[in-house]
Amino acid sequence: MARSSVAPASPSSETSRARIKETALRLFSERGIDGVSVRDIVSAAKMKNGASLHYYFGSKDALIQELIIDCAIRSDKARLRRLEILEAQGGPARLGDIVRLLIESEVSLEDAGSAGGQMRFIMALQINHRDLVLTALDNSQHAAGYMRCVDHIRGFLAHMPAETARDRVVLMYIYIMATMAARESAREAPGGESGFWKSPGAIETIIATTCGLLEAPDTAATTG
C-alpha cells in the first residue's frame, strides 16, 4: 500500500493550534480583532516561537476566518441536537418552543464553558467587520440547524407578509446575539453575574421578549 505524502499532525502541533485559537478567541472577545495583535496572541498563548501563529494559520485573518467557522459549527451542533429531539416529538407546538431552542442552545454552550467568548466575538464582527463573517460562512452547511429553526419560525409567522416575517427574523437574530453577548460579558465580570443577569427568570424574559419581537403587530401595514 502506498504511503500518504502528507504526515498526520503531531499531538503537540494540534495542542499548539488549539491553544492559539482558544487564546485568540478570548482576546478578540474582550478587545475586538482590531485591538489584538499577532504578538499579543502569541505572548498570551505562551508560545516560545514568535512565528507560531503564521506557521499554523498563515495570517491573523486566516485565524479569524477559522474561528468564525468554529463558532458557527459549535452553535449549530448544539441547535441540531435539540432540534432533532424536538422534531422527533412532533415539532414545535408554538413559537416559543423554537425560540427557546435557539436561546438555550447558546446558553448551554456558555454554561458548559464551551463558548470561550464566542458571542461577543461574533457580535463585534457583525457590527464592525460583517464582510469577514459573510466570507467565512458562505457555505450554508455551517448554519443548517439555524435555517431549519427559521423555517419553523416562518410557519408561525405565516399570517404576516413575507417581507415583514423576514425582517422580524433578522431582528430576532440580532437581539439573541446581543443578549447572549451581554450575558457572556456579565458572567465574566468581577464578582460574576449581577442585576438582571442574576435573576432566575432572566432567560425566560429573553425568550418572552424575543417572541414578542417576532409576533408584534405589523404597524407598517396598519399605518401605511
Protein backbone atom coordinates (compact mmCIF):
# COMPACT_ATOMS: atom_id res chain seq x y z
CA MET A 1 0.00 0.00 0.00
CA ALA A 2 1.34 3.43 -0.95
CA ARG A 3 2.05 5.80 1.90
CA SER A 4 0.31 9.14 2.10
CA SER A 5 2.64 12.01 1.27
CA VAL A 6 1.02 14.13 4.00
CA ALA A 7 2.13 13.31 7.52
CA PRO A 8 -0.55 13.44 10.21
CA ALA A 9 -0.37 16.38 12.57
CA SER A 10 1.51 15.56 15.73
CA PRO A 11 -0.28 15.80 19.09
CA SER A 12 1.94 18.73 20.03
CA SER A 13 1.01 20.56 16.81
CA GLU A 14 -2.70 20.09 17.47
CA THR A 15 -2.25 21.25 21.06
CA SER A 16 -0.40 24.37 19.92
CA ARG A 17 -3.05 25.19 17.31
CA ALA A 18 -5.82 24.73 19.86
CA ARG A 19 -4.02 26.90 22.41
CA ILE A 20 -3.55 29.71 19.89
CA LYS A 21 -7.21 29.53 18.85
CA GLU A 22 -8.51 29.47 22.40
CA THR A 23 -6.30 32.40 23.37
CA ALA A 24 -7.17 34.42 20.27
CA LEU A 25 -10.90 33.90 20.77
CA ARG A 26 -10.67 35.10 24.36
CA LEU A 27 -8.64 38.18 23.42
CA PHE A 28 -10.83 39.02 20.43
CA SER A 29 -13.97 38.73 22.56
CA GLU A 30 -12.51 41.14 25.12
CA ARG A 31 -10.87 43.72 22.82
CA GLY A 32 -12.18 43.15 19.30
CA ILE A 33 -9.99 41.97 16.44
CA ASP A 34 -8.55 45.44 15.82
CA GLY A 35 -7.33 45.69 19.40
CA VAL A 36 -5.34 42.46 19.33
CA SER A 37 -2.04 41.95 17.51
CA VAL A 38 -0.34 38.74 16.45
CA ARG A 39 2.25 39.43 19.13
CA ASP A 40 -0.50 39.74 21.76
CA ILE A 41 -1.87 36.33 20.83
CA VAL A 42 1.47 34.57 20.71
CA SER A 43 2.52 36.08 24.03
CA ALA A 44 -0.76 35.28 25.81
CA ALA A 45 -0.68 31.73 24.44
CA LYS A 46 2.85 31.38 25.87
CA MET A 47 4.25 30.16 22.56
CA LYS A 48 8.04 30.05 22.51
CA ASN A 49 8.25 30.71 18.78
CA GLY A 50 7.11 34.20 17.83
CA ALA A 51 6.17 32.96 14.35
CA SER A 52 3.84 30.25 15.68
CA LEU A 53 0.62 31.90 14.56
CA HIS A 54 1.83 32.35 11.00
CA TYR A 55 3.22 28.80 10.97
CA TYR A 56 -0.10 27.21 11.96
CA PHE A 57 -2.59 29.59 10.32
CA GLY A 58 -0.75 31.66 7.74
CA SER A 59 -2.07 35.01 8.96
CA LYS A 60 -4.22 36.70 11.58
CA ASP A 61 -7.06 37.00 9.05
CA ALA A 62 -6.92 33.27 8.32
CA LEU A 63 -7.06 32.56 12.05
CA ILE A 64 -10.12 34.81 12.37
CA GLN A 65 -11.82 33.00 9.49
CA GLU A 66 -11.20 29.65 11.17
CA LEU A 67 -12.54 30.92 14.48
CA ILE A 68 -15.73 32.19 12.82
CA ILE A 69 -16.33 28.78 11.29
CA ASP A 70 -15.56 27.03 14.59
CA CYS A 71 -18.09 29.22 16.39
CA ALA A 72 -20.75 28.61 13.74
CA ILE A 73 -20.24 24.85 13.84
CA ARG A 74 -20.27 24.73 17.63
CA SER A 75 -23.54 26.68 17.84
CA ASP A 76 -25.22 24.77 15.04
CA LYS A 77 -24.34 21.39 16.52
CA ALA A 78 -25.98 22.48 19.77
CA ARG A 79 -29.09 23.58 17.85
CA LEU A 80 -29.27 20.41 15.79
CA ARG A 81 -29.08 18.15 18.84
CA ARG A 82 -32.07 19.89 20.40
CA LEU A 83 -33.94 20.29 17.11
CA GLU A 84 -33.76 16.60 16.25
CA ILE A 85 -35.26 15.72 19.64
CA LEU A 86 -37.98 18.35 19.24
CA GLU A 87 -38.86 17.25 15.70
CA ALA A 88 -38.90 13.58 16.75
CA GLN A 89 -41.54 14.57 19.33
CA GLY A 90 -43.70 16.15 16.64
CA GLY A 91 -42.02 19.51 16.22
CA PRO A 92 -42.63 22.84 17.95
CA ALA A 93 -46.23 23.32 19.07
CA ARG A 94 -45.81 27.07 19.49
CA LEU A 95 -43.38 29.81 18.51
CA GLY A 96 -41.88 29.86 22.00
CA ASP A 97 -40.68 26.27 21.61
CA ILE A 98 -38.35 27.09 18.73
CA VAL A 99 -37.26 30.42 20.23
CA ARG A 100 -36.41 28.60 23.46
CA LEU A 101 -34.34 26.12 21.48
CA LEU A 102 -32.31 28.87 19.79
CA ILE A 103 -31.59 30.67 23.05
CA GLU A 104 -31.00 27.67 25.27
CA SER A 105 -28.58 26.20 22.72
CA GLU A 106 -26.30 29.21 23.24
CA VAL A 107 -26.89 29.25 27.00
CA SER A 108 -25.87 25.59 27.25
CA LEU A 109 -22.56 26.25 25.49
CA GLU A 110 -21.74 29.15 27.79
CA ASP A 111 -22.79 27.29 30.94
CA ALA A 112 -20.66 24.30 29.94
CA GLY A 113 -17.64 26.55 29.40
CA SER A 114 -17.55 25.67 25.69
CA ALA A 115 -18.26 29.11 24.26
CA GLY A 116 -14.95 30.80 25.09
CA GLY A 117 -16.31 34.29 24.40
CA GLN A 118 -17.73 33.45 21.00
CA MET A 119 -20.92 35.52 21.28
CA ARG A 120 -19.02 38.78 21.91
CA PHE A 121 -16.52 37.84 19.20
CA ILE A 122 -19.21 37.23 16.57
CA MET A 123 -21.35 40.19 17.68
CA ALA A 124 -18.42 42.60 17.35
CA LEU A 125 -17.59 41.19 13.93
CA GLN A 126 -21.20 41.55 12.77
CA ILE A 127 -21.05 45.24 13.71
CA ASN A 128 -17.55 46.19 12.58
CA HIS A 129 -16.41 43.51 10.11
CA ARG A 130 -19.54 41.94 8.67
CA ASP A 131 -17.67 41.13 5.45
CA LEU A 132 -15.40 38.71 7.33
CA VAL A 133 -18.40 36.82 8.70
CA LEU A 134 -20.10 36.64 5.30
CA THR A 135 -16.91 35.40 3.64
CA ALA A 136 -16.27 32.73 6.26
CA LEU A 137 -19.86 31.49 6.31
CA ASP A 138 -20.58 31.49 2.59
CA ASN A 139 -21.17 27.73 2.90
CA SER A 140 -24.70 27.28 4.23
CA GLN A 141 -23.85 23.91 5.78
CA HIS A 142 -22.47 25.78 8.78
CA ALA A 143 -25.98 27.06 9.57
CA ALA A 144 -28.17 24.10 8.61
CA GLY A 145 -29.70 23.84 12.07
CA TYR A 146 -30.37 27.57 12.28
CA MET A 147 -32.08 27.58 8.89
CA ARG A 148 -34.31 24.69 9.92
CA CYS A 149 -35.28 26.66 13.02
CA VAL A 150 -36.04 29.69 10.85
CA ASP A 151 -38.30 27.55 8.65
CA HIS A 152 -40.32 26.63 11.74
CA ILE A 153 -40.49 30.29 12.79
CA ARG A 154 -41.73 31.33 9.35
CA GLY A 155 -44.51 28.78 9.72
CA PHE A 156 -45.70 30.51 12.90
CA LEU A 157 -45.49 33.90 11.14
CA ALA A 158 -47.35 32.76 8.02
CA HIS A 159 -50.13 35.28 8.71
CA MET A 160 -47.65 38.13 8.13
CA PRO A 161 -46.46 39.45 4.78
CA ALA A 162 -43.32 37.52 3.78
CA GLU A 163 -41.22 40.68 3.85
CA THR A 164 -42.34 41.51 7.39
CA ALA A 165 -41.60 37.97 8.60
CA ARG A 166 -38.16 38.16 7.02
CA ASP A 167 -37.40 41.44 8.78
CA ARG A 168 -38.56 40.03 12.11
CA VAL A 169 -36.22 37.06 11.77
CA VAL A 170 -33.30 39.40 11.06
CA LEU A 171 -34.14 41.44 14.18
CA MET A 172 -34.54 38.24 16.21
CA TYR A 173 -31.03 37.13 15.23
CA ILE A 174 -29.56 40.50 16.25
CA TYR A 175 -31.49 40.51 19.54
CA ILE A 176 -30.44 36.99 20.51
CA MET A 177 -26.82 37.68 19.60
CA ALA A 178 -26.80 40.93 21.60
CA THR A 179 -28.44 39.48 24.71
CA MET A 180 -26.25 36.38 24.71
CA ALA A 181 -23.13 38.54 24.26
CA ALA A 182 -24.26 40.71 27.18
CA ARG A 183 -24.85 37.62 29.33
CA GLU A 184 -21.43 36.28 28.42
CA SER A 185 -19.82 39.55 29.48
CA ALA A 186 -21.80 39.68 32.73
CA ARG A 187 -20.73 36.17 33.68
CA GLU A 188 -17.07 37.15 33.33
CA ALA A 189 -17.37 40.43 35.23
CA PRO A 190 -15.63 40.72 38.62
CA GLY A 191 -17.96 39.17 41.15
CA GLY A 192 -19.93 37.34 38.48
CA GLU A 193 -23.47 37.99 37.33
CA SER A 194 -25.43 40.81 38.96
CA GLY A 195 -28.65 42.74 38.47
CA PHE A 196 -30.84 41.38 35.68
CA TRP A 197 -28.46 38.54 34.88
CA LYS A 198 -28.58 37.22 38.44
CA SER A 199 -32.35 36.85 38.24
CA PRO A 200 -33.52 33.22 37.87
CA GLY A 201 -36.03 34.46 35.31
CA ALA A 202 -33.51 36.21 33.04
CA ILE A 203 -33.53 33.59 30.29
CA GLU A 204 -37.32 33.27 30.41
CA THR A 205 -37.55 37.05 29.98
CA ILE A 206 -35.29 36.91 26.92
CA ILE A 207 -37.38 34.11 25.43
CA ALA A 208 -40.62 36.02 26.06
CA THR A 209 -39.32 39.29 24.62
CA THR A 210 -37.92 37.52 21.57
CA CYS A 211 -41.36 36.03 20.93
CA GLY A 212 -42.85 39.49 21.42
CA LEU A 213 -40.48 40.94 18.85
CA LEU A 214 -41.48 38.28 16.32
CA GLU A 215 -45.23 38.42 16.97
CA ALA A 216 -45.73 42.18 17.43
CA PRO A 217 -48.43 43.69 15.19
CA ASP A 218 -47.25 44.85 11.79
CA THR A 219 -47.64 48.59 12.37
CA ALA A 220 -46.20 49.38 8.94
CA ALA A 221 -49.13 47.57 7.36
CA THR A 222 -51.75 49.30 9.54
CA THR A 223 -50.36 52.84 9.25
CA GLY A 224 -49.07 52.77 5.69
